[in-house]
Amino acid sequence: MPQSTNGDVNVRMLTDIDEMREADALLREVWGAGPGDDPPFTVDTMRALSHTGGYVAAAFLDGVMVGVAGGFHAFTGPLHSHVAGVRAGMQGKGIGLAMKEHQRQWARDHGIASVSWTYDPLIRRNAWFNLGRLGARAVEYLPEFYGVIRDSINAGDLTDRMYVDWPVEEVEPHDLPPLESFEPVVDIDGDRPVVTTAAPREWSSLVRCAVPADIEALRRVDPEAARAWRLALRAGLHGGMTHGFTVTGFDRSGWYLLERRESSPSREGRDR
């Protein structure tokens, strides 16, 4: 059975129904899904995926379940990671990285060329982890991808997502020009975004879009500002990616970097 260890973190596939119930409880905790809310990944879905050869795995630290990931082999090719979550207070211990590396190895072992997933593009640490640390490729910006989700994380927010693809084989890193070479089309002023009035066709060939330092905290204290950020980033990223720009990187100081290309990756069909 596929299993991998990253330091003290052990990641393995789940087949036992009791462990799947534990995984369900962990994910409900991560997403703040209470009674009547939308659970991120139900036990019956885990069971069906596991039984039919899909991907359902958990990360353990000192024998305690601390993370869960699940996905399916998409018709379009990749292993699509539908959900991945780490228990609160366990960030920074390499758990997310261990789960991603396990997914990558599982995909490689099954002859699958890449792993794909979606993430909230406003969460700075996730953008850096996915695009900066892992080197996943931003493929498409998806406005309102999940519609209304009833949980404490997404309640009242628009569910825009970035769809990314991560090859199982190492890819040469792309050398980026200096940050100052990129013209800001979504800038930041205090807690508020500042969006250029120019249309994407009028942008320079190198542009950047800011994200706030902590959108989750901002949602709690100033929902109006958080929503303004959602719409601003949608204008910058979706506007750019549908007009010939490719996201080529993410600067850890909080900037998406976009370059105008003759052809940009796109998808027509479709980690929460």
Protein backbone atom coordinates (compact mmCIF):
# COMPACT_ATOMS: atom_id res chain seq x y z
CA MET A 1 0.00 0.00 0.00
CA PRO A 2 1.50 3.40 -0.96
CA GLN A 3 3.08 5.06 2.05
CA SER A 4 5.65 7.81 2.50
CA THR A 5 7.46 9.46 5.36
CA ASN A 6 8.65 13.08 5.49
CA GLY A 7 10.57 13.61 8.71
CA ASP A 8 8.20 12.64 11.53
CA VAL A 9 5.14 12.82 9.24
CA ASN A 10 3.83 9.54 7.85
CA VAL A 11 1.32 9.62 4.97
CA ARG A 12 -0.63 6.52 3.94
CA MET A 13 -3.77 5.52 2.09
CA LEU A 14 -7.00 5.00 4.05
CA THR A 15 -9.14 1.90 3.61
CA ASP A 16 -10.67 1.47 7.07
CA ILE A 17 -14.14 2.99 7.54
CA ASP A 18 -13.41 4.08 11.12
CA GLU A 19 -10.34 6.01 9.97
CA MET A 20 -12.48 7.61 7.27
CA ARG A 21 -14.92 8.76 9.95
CA GLU A 22 -11.96 10.25 11.82
CA ALA A 23 -10.84 11.93 8.59
CA ASP A 24 -14.34 13.34 8.07
CA ALA A 25 -14.30 14.81 11.59
CA LEU A 26 -10.87 16.35 11.03
CA LEU A 27 -11.92 18.02 7.77
CA ARG A 28 -15.14 19.32 9.32
CA GLU A 29 -13.00 20.87 12.05
CA VAL A 30 -10.60 22.45 9.52
CA TRP A 31 -13.44 23.94 7.47
CA GLY A 32 -15.56 24.84 10.49
CA ALA A 33 -18.47 22.77 9.18
CA GLY A 34 -21.11 22.41 11.87
CA PRO A 35 -24.49 20.63 11.82
CA GLY A 36 -26.36 21.58 8.66
CA ASP A 37 -23.21 22.93 6.96
CA ASP A 38 -21.59 21.51 3.83
CA PRO A 39 -18.93 18.91 4.78
CA PRO A 40 -15.84 19.14 2.57
CA PHE A 41 -15.42 15.38 1.99
CA THR A 42 -18.01 12.90 3.25
CA VAL A 43 -17.36 9.39 4.54
CA ASP A 44 -19.42 7.78 1.78
CA THR A 45 -17.43 9.65 -0.87
CA MET A 46 -14.15 8.54 0.73
CA ARG A 47 -15.37 4.95 0.84
CA ALA A 48 -16.47 4.96 -2.80
CA LEU A 49 -13.23 6.56 -3.99
CA SER A 50 -11.04 4.21 -1.99
CA HIS A 51 -12.95 1.12 -3.12
CA THR A 52 -12.71 2.07 -6.80
CA GLY A 53 -9.01 2.91 -6.80
CA GLY A 54 -9.22 6.62 -6.06
CA TYR A 55 -6.98 8.60 -3.76
CA VAL A 56 -7.86 8.88 -0.06
CA ALA A 57 -4.93 9.42 2.31
CA ALA A 58 -4.11 10.82 5.72
CA ALA A 59 -1.02 12.22 7.39
CA PHE A 60 -0.05 11.04 10.87
CA LEU A 61 2.30 12.66 13.37
CA ASP A 62 3.29 10.42 16.30
CA GLY A 63 0.41 8.14 15.35
CA VAL A 64 -2.19 10.93 15.44
CA MET A 65 -4.10 11.88 12.29
CA VAL A 66 -3.21 15.50 11.46
CA GLY A 67 -4.10 15.88 7.77
CA VAL A 68 -6.33 14.41 5.09
CA ALA A 69 -6.30 14.55 1.29
CA GLY A 70 -8.58 13.03 -1.31
CA GLY A 71 -8.80 13.09 -5.09
CA PHE A 72 -9.71 11.26 -8.25
CA HIS A 73 -8.10 10.48 -11.60
CA ALA A 74 -9.74 13.05 -13.85
CA PHE A 75 -10.91 12.16 -17.35
CA THR A 76 -8.71 14.98 -18.64
CA GLY A 77 -5.57 13.32 -17.25
CA PRO A 78 -4.35 14.50 -13.84
CA LEU A 79 -4.91 13.19 -10.34
CA HIS A 80 -7.27 15.94 -9.18
CA SER A 81 -6.87 16.66 -5.48
CA HIS A 82 -10.38 17.70 -4.49
CA VAL A 83 -9.62 18.36 -0.84
CA ALA A 84 -6.60 18.62 1.46
CA GLY A 85 -6.62 19.93 4.99
CA VAL A 86 -4.30 20.10 7.99
CA ARG A 87 -5.49 20.19 11.59
CA ALA A 88 -5.48 23.64 13.21
CA GLY A 89 -2.26 24.39 15.07
CA MET A 90 -0.26 21.88 13.02
CA GLN A 91 0.86 24.23 10.25
CA GLY A 92 4.57 24.66 9.70
CA LYS A 93 5.40 21.03 10.49
CA GLY A 94 5.74 19.88 6.87
CA ILE A 95 2.38 18.08 6.86
CA GLY A 96 1.00 19.82 3.76
CA LEU A 97 4.24 19.22 1.88
CA ALA A 98 4.29 15.56 2.91
CA MET A 99 0.74 15.06 1.63
CA LYS A 100 1.51 16.76 -1.69
CA GLU A 101 4.64 14.66 -2.16
CA HIS A 102 2.60 11.52 -1.40
CA GLN A 103 0.02 12.55 -4.01
CA ARG A 104 2.77 13.17 -6.53
CA GLN A 105 4.35 9.77 -5.93
CA TRP A 106 0.94 8.04 -6.10
CA ALA A 107 0.27 9.75 -9.44
CA ARG A 108 3.72 8.76 -10.73
CA ASP A 109 3.20 5.14 -9.64
CA HIS A 110 -0.11 5.08 -11.54
CA GLY A 111 1.29 6.54 -14.75
CA ILE A 112 -0.41 9.91 -14.22
CA ALA A 113 1.53 12.92 -15.50
CA SER A 114 0.41 15.58 -13.03
CA VAL A 115 -1.58 16.50 -9.92
CA SER A 116 -4.15 19.29 -10.09
CA TRP A 117 -6.18 21.14 -7.47
CA THR A 118 -7.86 24.45 -6.73
CA TYR A 119 -7.14 26.92 -3.95
CA ASP A 120 -8.40 30.29 -2.76
CA PRO A 121 -6.10 32.77 -4.55
CA LEU A 122 -6.58 35.40 -1.82
CA ILE A 123 -4.81 33.30 0.83
CA ARG A 124 -1.21 34.45 0.58
CA ARG A 125 0.43 31.47 2.30
CA ASN A 126 -1.37 29.04 -0.02
CA ALA A 127 -0.40 31.01 -3.12
CA TRP A 128 3.25 30.95 -2.04
CA PHE A 129 3.15 27.25 -1.13
CA ASN A 130 1.48 26.19 -4.39
CA LEU A 131 3.21 28.46 -6.90
CA GLY A 132 6.43 29.36 -5.10
CA ARG A 133 7.47 26.35 -3.07
CA LEU A 134 5.94 23.52 -5.10
CA GLY A 135 6.23 25.21 -8.48
CA ALA A 136 2.69 24.30 -9.59
CA ARG A 137 1.44 26.05 -12.73
CA ALA A 138 -1.55 28.40 -12.51
CA VAL A 139 -3.86 27.28 -15.31
CA GLU A 140 -7.16 29.07 -14.86
CA TYR A 141 -8.96 31.53 -12.60
CA LEU A 142 -12.44 30.21 -11.78
CA PRO A 143 -14.98 32.81 -10.56
CA GLU A 144 -17.61 31.50 -8.11
CA PHE A 145 -16.43 27.93 -8.72
CA TYR A 146 -18.30 26.26 -5.85
CA GLY A 147 -21.23 28.64 -5.57
CA VAL A 148 -22.44 29.11 -1.99
CA ILE A 149 -20.63 26.96 0.59
CA ARG A 150 -22.09 26.75 4.08
CA ASP A 151 -19.20 26.59 6.55
CA SER A 152 -17.34 29.06 8.75
CA ILE A 153 -14.45 29.44 6.29
CA ASN A 154 -16.45 30.32 3.17
CA ALA A 155 -19.67 31.75 4.65
CA GLY A 156 -20.64 35.00 2.96
CA ASP A 157 -17.69 34.91 0.56
CA LEU A 158 -17.51 34.39 -3.19
CA THR A 159 -15.83 31.05 -3.92
CA ASP A 160 -13.37 32.10 -6.63
CA ARG A 161 -10.56 29.59 -7.06
CA MET A 162 -7.27 29.22 -8.90
CA TYR A 163 -6.85 25.93 -10.76
CA VAL A 164 -3.24 24.69 -10.74
CA ASP A 165 -1.38 21.77 -12.28
CA TRP A 166 1.78 20.19 -10.85
CA PRO A 167 3.82 17.82 -13.08
CA VAL A 168 5.05 14.66 -11.39
CA GLU A 169 8.45 15.12 -13.02
CA GLU A 170 10.64 18.03 -12.00
CA VAL A 171 10.44 21.10 -14.24
CA GLU A 172 13.22 23.66 -14.66
CA PRO A 173 12.31 26.77 -12.61
CA HIS A 174 11.37 29.86 -14.60
CA ASP A 175 13.75 32.79 -14.11
CA LEU A 176 11.66 35.84 -13.25
CA PRO A 177 12.55 39.49 -13.84
CA PRO A 178 12.93 41.67 -10.71
CA LEU A 179 9.69 42.49 -8.90
CA GLU A 180 10.08 46.17 -9.79
CA SER A 181 9.83 45.24 -13.47
CA PHE A 182 6.17 44.30 -12.99
CA GLU A 183 3.60 47.10 -13.17
CA PRO A 184 0.97 46.84 -10.39
CA VAL A 185 -2.55 46.46 -11.79
CA VAL A 186 -3.94 45.51 -8.36
CA ASP A 187 -2.10 47.48 -5.69
CA ILE A 188 -2.62 47.80 -1.93
CA ASP A 189 -3.40 50.87 0.16
CA GLY A 190 -3.73 49.98 3.84
CA ASP A 191 -6.29 47.18 3.95
CA ARG A 192 -7.89 48.13 0.63
CA PRO A 193 -7.09 47.17 -2.96
CA VAL A 194 -6.42 49.73 -5.67
CA VAL A 195 -7.31 48.48 -9.16
CA THR A 196 -6.02 49.99 -12.38
CA THR A 197 -8.62 51.60 -14.62
CA ALA A 198 -6.78 50.43 -17.75
CA ALA A 199 -8.19 47.50 -19.72
CA PRO A 200 -6.00 44.35 -19.90
CA ARG A 201 -5.15 45.02 -23.54
CA GLU A 202 -3.57 48.30 -22.37
CA TRP A 203 -1.41 46.71 -19.67
CA SER A 204 2.34 46.39 -20.02
CA SER A 205 3.76 42.94 -20.76
CA LEU A 206 4.73 42.43 -17.09
CA VAL A 207 2.11 43.10 -14.40
CA ARG A 208 1.54 42.15 -10.77
CA CYS A 209 -1.48 41.74 -8.50
CA ALA A 210 -1.30 42.24 -4.73
CA VAL A 211 -3.00 40.11 -2.10
CA PRO A 212 -3.52 41.18 1.54
CA ALA A 213 -1.32 39.79 4.28
CA ASP A 214 -4.15 37.89 6.02
CA ILE A 215 -7.46 37.74 4.15
CA GLU A 216 -8.94 35.35 6.73
CA ALA A 217 -8.47 37.87 9.55
CA LEU A 218 -9.75 40.66 7.30
CA ARG A 219 -12.94 38.69 6.60
CA ARG A 220 -13.65 38.60 10.31
CA VAL A 221 -13.03 42.28 11.07
CA ASP A 222 -13.98 43.96 7.77
CA PRO A 223 -16.08 41.77 5.44
CA GLU A 224 -16.62 44.70 3.07
CA ALA A 225 -12.87 45.13 2.55
CA ALA A 226 -12.46 41.37 2.08
CA ARG A 227 -15.13 41.35 -0.63
CA ALA A 228 -13.45 44.32 -2.31
CA TRP A 229 -10.26 42.25 -2.45
CA ARG A 230 -12.11 39.33 -3.99
CA LEU A 231 -13.47 41.48 -6.80
CA ALA A 232 -10.16 43.29 -7.27
CA LEU A 233 -8.15 40.09 -7.60
CA ARG A 234 -10.78 38.69 -9.95
CA ALA A 235 -10.35 41.76 -12.15
CA GLY A 236 -6.57 41.39 -12.11
CA LEU A 237 -6.08 37.64 -12.42
CA HIS A 238 -9.17 36.59 -14.36
CA GLY A 239 -8.97 39.72 -16.48
CA GLY A 240 -5.32 39.10 -17.26
CA MET A 241 -5.51 35.34 -17.79
CA THR A 242 -8.38 35.70 -20.26
CA HIS A 243 -6.47 38.35 -22.21
CA GLY A 244 -3.17 36.65 -22.99
CA PHE A 245 -1.41 36.78 -19.62
CA THR A 246 0.09 33.81 -17.78
CA VAL A 247 0.77 33.70 -14.05
CA THR A 248 4.48 32.94 -13.98
CA GLY A 249 5.13 33.18 -10.26
CA PHE A 250 4.25 34.47 -6.84
CA ASP A 251 6.52 36.77 -4.86
CA ARG A 252 6.54 35.95 -1.17
CA SER A 253 5.95 39.60 -0.30
CA GLY A 254 2.40 39.16 -1.63
CA TRP A 255 2.33 39.59 -5.41
CA TYR A 256 1.09 37.43 -8.28
CA LEU A 257 3.40 37.94 -11.26
CA LEU A 258 1.91 37.83 -14.75
CA GLU A 259 3.56 37.96 -18.16
CA ARG A 260 1.87 38.50 -21.49
CA ARG A 261 2.33 35.42 -23.66
CA GLU A 262 1.21 34.64 -27.21
CA SER A 263 -0.77 31.70 -25.82
CA SER A 264 -1.84 31.14 -22.21
CA PRO A 265 -2.85 27.77 -20.69
CA SER A 266 -6.59 27.33 -20.34
CA ARG A 267 -9.20 24.71 -19.55
CA GLU A 268 -12.84 24.33 -20.40
CA GLY A 269 -14.12 21.70 -18.04
CA ARG A 270 -13.31 21.28 -14.50
CA ASP A 271 -8.37 21.42 -2.88
CA ARG A 272 -11.35 23.54 -2.41
